[in-house]
Amino acid sequence: MEVAWQPPLEGWYKSNSDGSLVEDRAGYGVLVRNCEGQSLYAVASSLKDSVCTKSWYPLHPRLK
């Protein structure tokens, strides 16, 4: 079975997210795209021993 990303309806946004946990480390990521498949916003965060470091990647001025 093949699974592929499908764009949202015209005028809508779609967010995709994922996370992982390995021993004492965890992390997640989120990506927001428009109906044309353009990346508008992304965020990733990693956690270790209750200390959080974040990286923000604003790709679209309306989502800052």
PDB file of N, CA and C in Angstrom:
ATOM      1  N   MET A   1       0.842  -1.176   0.000  1.00  0.00           N
ATOM      2  CA  MET A   1       0.000   0.000   0.000  1.00  0.00           C
ATOM      3  C   MET A   1       0.890   1.244   0.000  1.00  0.00           C
ATOM      4  N   GLU A   2       0.669   2.138  -0.932  1.00  0.00           N
ATOM      5  CA  GLU A   2       1.436   3.370  -1.019  1.00  0.00           C
ATOM      6  C   GLU A   2       0.648   4.500  -0.364  1.00  0.00           C
ATOM      7  N   VAL A   3       1.336   5.267   0.486  1.00  0.00           N
ATOM      8  CA  VAL A   3       0.721   6.404   1.157  1.00  0.00           C
ATOM      9  C   VAL A   3       1.474   7.653   0.723  1.00  0.00           C
ATOM     10  N   ALA A   4       0.755   8.652   0.254  1.00  0.00           N
ATOM     11  CA  ALA A   4       1.383   9.889  -0.210  1.00  0.00           C
ATOM     12  C   ALA A   4       0.651  11.090   0.386  1.00  0.00           C
ATOM     13  N   TRP A   5       1.389  12.171   0.581  1.00  0.00           N
ATOM     14  CA  TRP A   5       0.794  13.392   1.110  1.00  0.00           C
ATOM     15  C   TRP A   5      -0.195  13.945   0.103  1.00  0.00           C
ATOM     16  N   GLN A   6      -1.348  14.373   0.586  1.00  0.00           N
ATOM     17  CA  GLN A   6      -2.374  14.986  -0.252  1.00  0.00           C
ATOM     18  C   GLN A   6      -2.567  16.428   0.191  1.00  0.00           C
ATOM     19  N   PRO A   7      -2.610  17.371  -0.732  1.00  0.00           N
ATOM     20  CA  PRO A   7      -2.793  18.772  -0.341  1.00  0.00           C
ATOM     21  C   PRO A   7      -4.187  19.016   0.221  1.00  0.00           C
ATOM     22  N   PRO A   8      -4.322  20.057   1.058  1.00  0.00           N
ATOM     23  CA  PRO A   8      -5.648  20.411   1.570  1.00  0.00           C
ATOM     24  C   PRO A   8      -6.473  21.115   0.487  1.00  0.00           C
ATOM     25  N   LEU A   9      -7.719  21.355   0.783  1.00  0.00           N
ATOM     26  CA  LEU A   9      -8.583  22.080  -0.140  1.00  0.00           C
ATOM     27  C   LEU A   9      -8.087  23.511  -0.329  1.00  0.00           C
ATOM     28  N   GLU A  10      -8.483  24.118  -1.424  1.00  0.00           N
ATOM     29  CA  GLU A  10      -8.134  25.510  -1.733  1.00  0.00           C
ATOM     30  C   GLU A  10      -8.468  26.413  -0.545  1.00  0.00           C
ATOM     31  N   GLY A  11      -7.498  27.244  -0.134  1.00  0.00           N
ATOM     32  CA  GLY A  11      -7.703  28.179   0.966  1.00  0.00           C
ATOM     33  C   GLY A  11      -7.463  27.596   2.352  1.00  0.00           C
ATOM     34  N   TRP A  12      -7.141  26.311   2.438  1.00  0.00           N
ATOM     35  CA  TRP A  12      -6.887  25.647   3.712  1.00  0.00           C
ATOM     36  C   TRP A  12      -5.402  25.389   3.870  1.00  0.00           C
ATOM     37  N   TYR A  13      -4.989  25.066   5.104  1.00  0.00           N
ATOM     38  CA  TYR A  13      -3.621  24.679   5.417  1.00  0.00           C
ATOM     39  C   TYR A  13      -3.648  23.277   6.013  1.00  0.00           C
ATOM     40  N   LYS A  14      -2.557  22.559   5.851  1.00  0.00           N
ATOM     41  CA  LYS A  14      -2.459  21.221   6.440  1.00  0.00           C
ATOM     42  C   LYS A  14      -1.179  21.148   7.253  1.00  0.00           C
ATOM     43  N   SER A  15      -1.283  20.574   8.442  1.00  0.00           N
ATOM     44  CA  SER A  15      -0.084  20.378   9.254  1.00  0.00           C
ATOM     45  C   SER A  15       0.191  18.882   9.380  1.00  0.00           C
ATOM     46  N   ASN A  16       1.455  18.529   9.288  1.00  0.00           N
ATOM     47  CA  ASN A  16       1.904  17.160   9.495  1.00  0.00           C
ATOM     48  C   ASN A  16       2.884  17.182  10.645  1.00  0.00           C
ATOM     49  N   SER A  17       2.810  16.167  11.496  1.00  0.00           N
ATOM     50  CA  SER A  17       3.695  16.132  12.656  1.00  0.00           C
ATOM     51  C   SER A  17       4.217  14.719  12.880  1.00  0.00           C
ATOM     52  N   ASP A  18       5.313  14.638  13.616  1.00  0.00           N
ATOM     53  CA  ASP A  18       5.904  13.358  13.966  1.00  0.00           C
ATOM     54  C   ASP A  18       6.693  13.543  15.248  1.00  0.00           C
ATOM     55  N   GLY A  19       6.879  12.482  15.963  1.00  0.00           N
ATOM     56  CA  GLY A  19       7.646  12.533  17.200  1.00  0.00           C
ATOM     57  C   GLY A  19       8.366  11.221  17.430  1.00  0.00           C
ATOM     58  N   SER A  20       9.342  11.271  18.306  1.00  0.00           N
ATOM     59  CA  SER A  20      10.088  10.051  18.631  1.00  0.00           C
ATOM     60  C   SER A  20      10.547  10.093  20.090  1.00  0.00           C
ATOM     61  N   LEU A  21      10.782   8.907  20.620  1.00  0.00           N
ATOM     62  CA  LEU A  21      11.284   8.765  21.976  1.00  0.00           C
ATOM     63  C   LEU A  21      12.274   7.605  21.981  1.00  0.00           C
ATOM     64  N   VAL A  22      13.514   7.893  22.379  1.00  0.00           N
ATOM     65  CA  VAL A  22      14.564   6.882  22.474  1.00  0.00           C
ATOM     66  C   VAL A  22      15.274   7.085  23.799  1.00  0.00           C
ATOM     67  N   GLU A  23      15.126   6.130  24.693  1.00  0.00           N
ATOM     68  CA  GLU A  23      15.718   6.186  26.034  1.00  0.00           C
ATOM     69  C   GLU A  23      15.369   7.498  26.726  1.00  0.00           C
ATOM     70  N   ASP A  24      16.347   8.382  26.960  1.00  0.00           N
ATOM     71  CA  ASP A  24      16.068   9.623  27.684  1.00  0.00           C
ATOM     72  C   ASP A  24      15.938  10.826  26.753  1.00  0.00           C
ATOM     73  N   ARG A  25      15.760  10.585  25.461  1.00  0.00           N
ATOM     74  CA  ARG A  25      15.640  11.690  24.505  1.00  0.00           C
ATOM     75  C   ARG A  25      14.310  11.613  23.763  1.00  0.00           C
ATOM     76  N   ALA A  26      13.738  12.776  23.517  1.00  0.00           N
ATOM     77  CA  ALA A  26      12.487  12.859  22.768  1.00  0.00           C
ATOM     78  C   ALA A  26      12.558  14.050  21.831  1.00  0.00           C
ATOM     79  N   GLY A  27      11.774  14.019  20.806  1.00  0.00           N
ATOM     80  CA  GLY A  27      11.735  15.135  19.878  1.00  0.00           C
ATOM     81  C   GLY A  27      10.475  15.079  19.033  1.00  0.00           C
ATOM     82  N   TYR A  28      10.175  16.211  18.397  1.00  0.00           N
ATOM     83  CA  TYR A  28       9.032  16.259  17.497  1.00  0.00           C
ATOM     84  C   TYR A  28       9.270  17.300  16.420  1.00  0.00           C
ATOM     85  N   GLY A  29       8.469  17.235  15.384  1.00  0.00           N
ATOM     86  CA  GLY A  29       8.526  18.210  14.309  1.00  0.00           C
ATOM     87  C   GLY A  29       7.135  18.424  13.750  1.00  0.00           C
ATOM     88  N   VAL A  30       6.891  19.635  13.253  1.00  0.00           N
ATOM     89  CA  VAL A  30       5.614  19.992  12.640  1.00  0.00           C
ATOM     90  C   VAL A  30       5.902  20.802  11.385  1.00  0.00           C
ATOM     91  N   LEU A  31       5.172  20.521  10.325  1.00  0.00           N
ATOM     92  CA  LEU A  31       5.301  21.245   9.062  1.00  0.00           C
ATOM     93  C   LEU A  31       3.912  21.666   8.616  1.00  0.00           C
ATOM     94  N   VAL A  32       3.749  22.944   8.216  1.00  0.00           N
ATOM     95  CA  VAL A  32       2.471  23.470   7.718  1.00  0.00           C
ATOM     96  C   VAL A  32       2.650  23.815   6.249  1.00  0.00           C
ATOM     97  N   ARG A  33       1.732  23.312   5.415  1.00  0.00           N
ATOM     98  CA  ARG A  33       1.775  23.601   3.976  1.00  0.00           C
ATOM     99  C   ARG A  33       0.415  24.093   3.496  1.00  0.00           C
ATOM    100  N   ASN A  34       0.439  24.831   2.394  1.00  0.00           N
ATOM    101  CA  ASN A  34      -0.806  25.335   1.820  1.00  0.00           C
ATOM    102  C   ASN A  34      -1.323  24.368   0.757  1.00  0.00           C
ATOM    103  N   CYS A  35      -2.401  24.763   0.061  1.00  0.00           N
ATOM    104  CA  CYS A  35      -3.038  23.889  -0.920  1.00  0.00           C
ATOM    105  C   CYS A  35      -2.170  23.643  -2.149  1.00  0.00           C
ATOM    106  N   GLU A  36      -1.111  24.437  -2.337  1.00  0.00           N
ATOM    107  CA  GLU A  36      -0.175  24.232  -3.442  1.00  0.00           C
ATOM    108  C   GLU A  36       1.016  23.380  -3.014  1.00  0.00           C
ATOM    109  N   GLY A  37       1.038  22.960  -1.752  1.00  0.00           N
ATOM    110  CA  GLY A  37       2.131  22.135  -1.257  1.00  0.00           C
ATOM    111  C   GLY A  37       3.339  22.927  -0.800  1.00  0.00           C
ATOM    112  N   GLN A  38       3.245  24.258  -0.786  1.00  0.00           N
ATOM    113  CA  GLN A  38       4.366  25.098  -0.350  1.00  0.00           C
ATOM    114  C   GLN A  38       4.491  25.039   1.172  1.00  0.00           C
ATOM    115  N   SER A  39       5.717  24.875   1.656  1.00  0.00           N
ATOM    116  CA  SER A  39       5.976  24.889   3.099  1.00  0.00           C
ATOM    117  C   SER A  39       5.865  26.311   3.611  1.00  0.00           C
ATOM    118  N   LEU A  40       5.020  26.519   4.604  1.00  0.00           N
ATOM    119  CA  LEU A  40       4.809  27.853   5.166  1.00  0.00           C
ATOM    120  C   LEU A  40       5.453  28.015   6.533  1.00  0.00           C
ATOM    121  N   TYR A  41       5.548  26.933   7.291  1.00  0.00           N
ATOM    122  CA  TYR A  41       6.061  27.030   8.655  1.00  0.00           C
ATOM    123  C   TYR A  41       6.524  25.654   9.108  1.00  0.00           C
ATOM    124  N   ALA A  42       7.616  25.624   9.841  1.00  0.00           N
ATOM    125  CA  ALA A  42       8.104  24.362  10.401  1.00  0.00           C
ATOM    126  C   ALA A  42       8.703  24.628  11.770  1.00  0.00           C
ATOM    127  N   VAL A  43       8.553  23.661  12.657  1.00  0.00           N
ATOM    128  CA  VAL A  43       9.143  23.761  13.985  1.00  0.00           C
ATOM    129  C   VAL A  43       9.655  22.381  14.371  1.00  0.00           C
ATOM    130  N   ALA A  44      10.779  22.365  15.068  1.00  0.00           N
ATOM    131  CA  ALA A  44      11.328  21.107  15.577  1.00  0.00           C
ATOM    132  C   ALA A  44      11.830  21.358  16.991  1.00  0.00           C
ATOM    133  N   SER A  45      11.681  20.371  17.835  1.00  0.00           N
ATOM    134  CA  SER A  45      12.121  20.507  19.210  1.00  0.00           C
ATOM    135  C   SER A  45      12.706  19.185  19.669  1.00  0.00           C
ATOM    136  N   SER A  46      13.783  19.273  20.426  1.00  0.00           N
ATOM    137  CA  SER A  46      14.344  18.067  21.029  1.00  0.00           C
ATOM    138  C   SER A  46      14.390  18.251  22.534  1.00  0.00           C
ATOM    139  N   LEU A  47      14.214  17.164  23.251  1.00  0.00           N
ATOM    140  CA  LEU A  47      14.174  17.194  24.705  1.00  0.00           C
ATOM    141  C   LEU A  47      15.134  16.140  25.241  1.00  0.00           C
ATOM    142  N   LYS A  48      15.890  16.487  26.266  1.00  0.00           N
ATOM    143  CA  LYS A  48      16.761  15.523  26.925  1.00  0.00           C
ATOM    144  C   LYS A  48      16.854  15.894  28.391  1.00  0.00           C
ATOM    145  N   ASP A  49      16.547  14.968  29.254  1.00  0.00           N
ATOM    146  CA  ASP A  49      16.603  15.199  30.696  1.00  0.00           C
ATOM    147  C   ASP A  49      15.842  16.453  31.106  1.00  0.00           C
ATOM    148  N   SER A  50      14.653  16.634  30.559  1.00  0.00           N
ATOM    149  CA  SER A  50      13.774  17.766  30.880  1.00  0.00           C
ATOM    150  C   SER A  50      14.337  19.120  30.458  1.00  0.00           C
ATOM    151  N   VAL A  51      15.343  19.129  29.603  1.00  0.00           N
ATOM    152  CA  VAL A  51      15.878  20.381  29.057  1.00  0.00           C
ATOM    153  C   VAL A  51      15.422  20.449  27.612  1.00  0.00           C
ATOM    154  N   CYS A  52      14.811  21.548  27.249  1.00  0.00           N
ATOM    155  CA  CYS A  52      14.250  21.674  25.911  1.00  0.00           C
ATOM    156  C   CYS A  52      15.055  22.679  25.097  1.00  0.00           C
ATOM    157  N   THR A  53      15.405  22.301  23.882  1.00  0.00           N
ATOM    158  CA  THR A  53      16.014  23.237  22.933  1.00  0.00           C
ATOM    159  C   THR A  53      15.113  23.280  21.722  1.00  0.00           C
ATOM    160  N   LYS A  54      14.831  24.471  21.231  1.00  0.00           N
ATOM    161  CA  LYS A  54      13.896  24.611  20.115  1.00  0.00           C
ATOM    162  C   LYS A  54      14.550  25.320  18.945  1.00  0.00           C
ATOM    163  N   SER A  55      14.147  24.906  17.759  1.00  0.00           N
ATOM    164  CA  SER A  55      14.536  25.577  16.523  1.00  0.00           C
ATOM    165  C   SER A  55      13.252  25.927  15.789  1.00  0.00           C
ATOM    166  N   TRP A  56      13.085  27.195  15.461  1.00  0.00           N
ATOM    167  CA  TRP A  56      11.898  27.659  14.754  1.00  0.00           C
ATOM    168  C   TRP A  56      12.298  28.057  13.348  1.00  0.00           C
ATOM    169  N   TYR A  57      11.496  27.666  12.380  1.00  0.00           N
ATOM    170  CA  TYR A  57      11.788  27.960  10.978  1.00  0.00           C
ATOM    171  C   TYR A  57      10.591  28.632  10.323  1.00  0.00           C
ATOM    172  N   PRO A  58      10.379  29.913  10.578  1.00  0.00           N
ATOM    173  CA  PRO A  58       9.251  30.577   9.908  1.00  0.00           C
ATOM    174  C   PRO A  58       9.570  30.766   8.426  1.00  0.00           C
ATOM    175  N   LEU A  59       8.698  30.261   7.560  1.00  0.00           N
ATOM    176  CA  LEU A  59       8.920  30.357   6.133  1.00  0.00           C
ATOM    177  C   LEU A  59       7.922  31.291   5.471  1.00  0.00           C
ATOM    178  N   HIS A  60       6.969  31.783   6.233  1.00  0.00           N
ATOM    179  CA  HIS A  60       5.932  32.639   5.654  1.00  0.00           C
ATOM    180  C   HIS A  60       5.635  33.775   6.624  1.00  0.00           C
ATOM    181  N   PRO A  61       5.677  35.024   6.152  1.00  0.00           N
ATOM    182  CA  PRO A  61       5.526  36.173   7.065  1.00  0.00           C
ATOM    183  C   PRO A  61       4.198  36.203   7.824  1.00  0.00           C
ATOM    184  N   ARG A  62       3.111  35.674   7.258  1.00  0.00           N
ATOM    185  CA  ARG A  62       1.818  35.713   7.957  1.00  0.00           C
ATOM    186  C   ARG A  62       1.791  34.770   9.151  1.00  0.00           C
ATOM    187  N   LEU A  63       2.692  33.822   9.224  1.00  0.00           N
ATOM    188  CA  LEU A  63       2.688  32.853  10.317  1.00  0.00           C
ATOM    189  C   LEU A  63       3.750  33.147  11.368  1.00  0.00           C
ATOM    190  N   LYS A  64       4.431  34.295  11.270  1.00  0.00           N
ATOM    191  CA  LYS A  64       5.449  34.658  12.260  1.00  0.00           C
ATOM    192  C   LYS A  64       4.790  35.064  13.551  1.00  0.00           C
TER     193      LYS A  64
END
